Amino acid sequence: MATRHSLQDNHVLLPLAVLGVLAGIDVTFPPQTLVSSSYGVAALVACAITTVRITAIFAIAGAVLSALSAVWNHNFGTLGWWIHVAMTIGIGILAVILAQLRISREQDLRHMTTIAEIAQRAVLRVIPSSVGSLRFATRYVSATREALVGGDLYEVVQTPASVRVIVGDVRGKGLDAVQMAATVLAAFRRSAVLEVSLTGIVAELDNVVTAVAGDEDFVTAVLAEFHDDSSVTLVNCGHHPPLLLANASPGKLVDTGDPQPPLGLGPAPDPVASQLPEGARMLFYTDGLIEARNRNGAFFPLAERSTSLVGGTLDDALDGLLGELVRHAAAEMDDDMALVLAERRSA
């Protein structure tokens, strides 16, 4: 509440300063200037940055000063005095109307923004920090400042026998990419529960993407199935392999089998078994992470910087990695990025 009041106070300072400067000029250099008819400018300034009530106060103050200007201009009751007062009142009324219109539009914009945020969060749901025998932390960085999500996607689904994860990247950007990501996520949430194997999920997702995608559209994705015996089954459809982190050594890319085309282009991956022992972590990511360049054109060295992902909480680990990324390529980051960090829960 104190912060809000301080912001309002700061907004009042500018029109107040304008009013003071105009009054100073008018008193110092009468009656050669036309400042007496310009006091309404303070209300115009107020209407752009503050409330309707404060704008009305400045409109009234301007009208009063314009009327009192007859004291130092010695023109009370003259045609010029009436014109100055009338102009100031007219400008003040206009400023109040403009303030009302601005406030109304800002309220509509906030309402639409809230709806958009709810819709976007429905596309990319919050992942629980603990699912089965695993802990998770996620981060999503949108290339569009006004958007919470883009074409990257992730989801975690718990089944009676395992925990299944998908991380993917839709080709392209904008609303079409968001729509495709939502379609893939909806299909994964359904098939992750119904399909027996990861290859069955891939076949289902490939059919969905093929049915709705254009000729040049596709979705890269890596799918993982975590079992209680510390084993992990992976299938990769044209995506970057995950990074395995153990102890304090740099991470190593996990073998995900022979390269396969993305979803929508007929992938037929063979499942590859791996291990995630207790205390070890596995990072899933999209190309916004490893393809971020610095000013010299160098890609982000994920393997070298991955030691920040070991130790501490999962959230702190991802925040540390993003800090490394910002230091590397803050000015050059122009792609969506999704990160999922999984850890086998200790007994």
Foldseek 3Di string as FASTA:
>chain_A
DVVVVVQQVVLLVVLVVVLVVLLVCLLVDPPPDLSLLVQLVSLLSSLVRHALVSSLVSLVVSLVSSQVSCVRNVQPPHPSSVVSSVNSNVSSVVSSVSSVVVVVVVVVVVVVLVVQVVVLCVLAPDDQQDDDQKGKDKDKDALDPSHPDWLWHKDWDDEPFWIKIKTKGKPDIDPVSSVLSSQLVVLCNVCVHVPPDPQVSLVSSLVSCLVPDDPPIFMWMKMWTAGPVQKIKIATAQFFAKWKFDDQAFTDGDDRDDYFHTRNPDTRTDIDMDGADAQIKIKDKGVLQQCAAAPVRHTDPRRVQQSLCHDDDNVSSVVSSVVSSCVGHVPRRRHMMMMMMMGRHDD
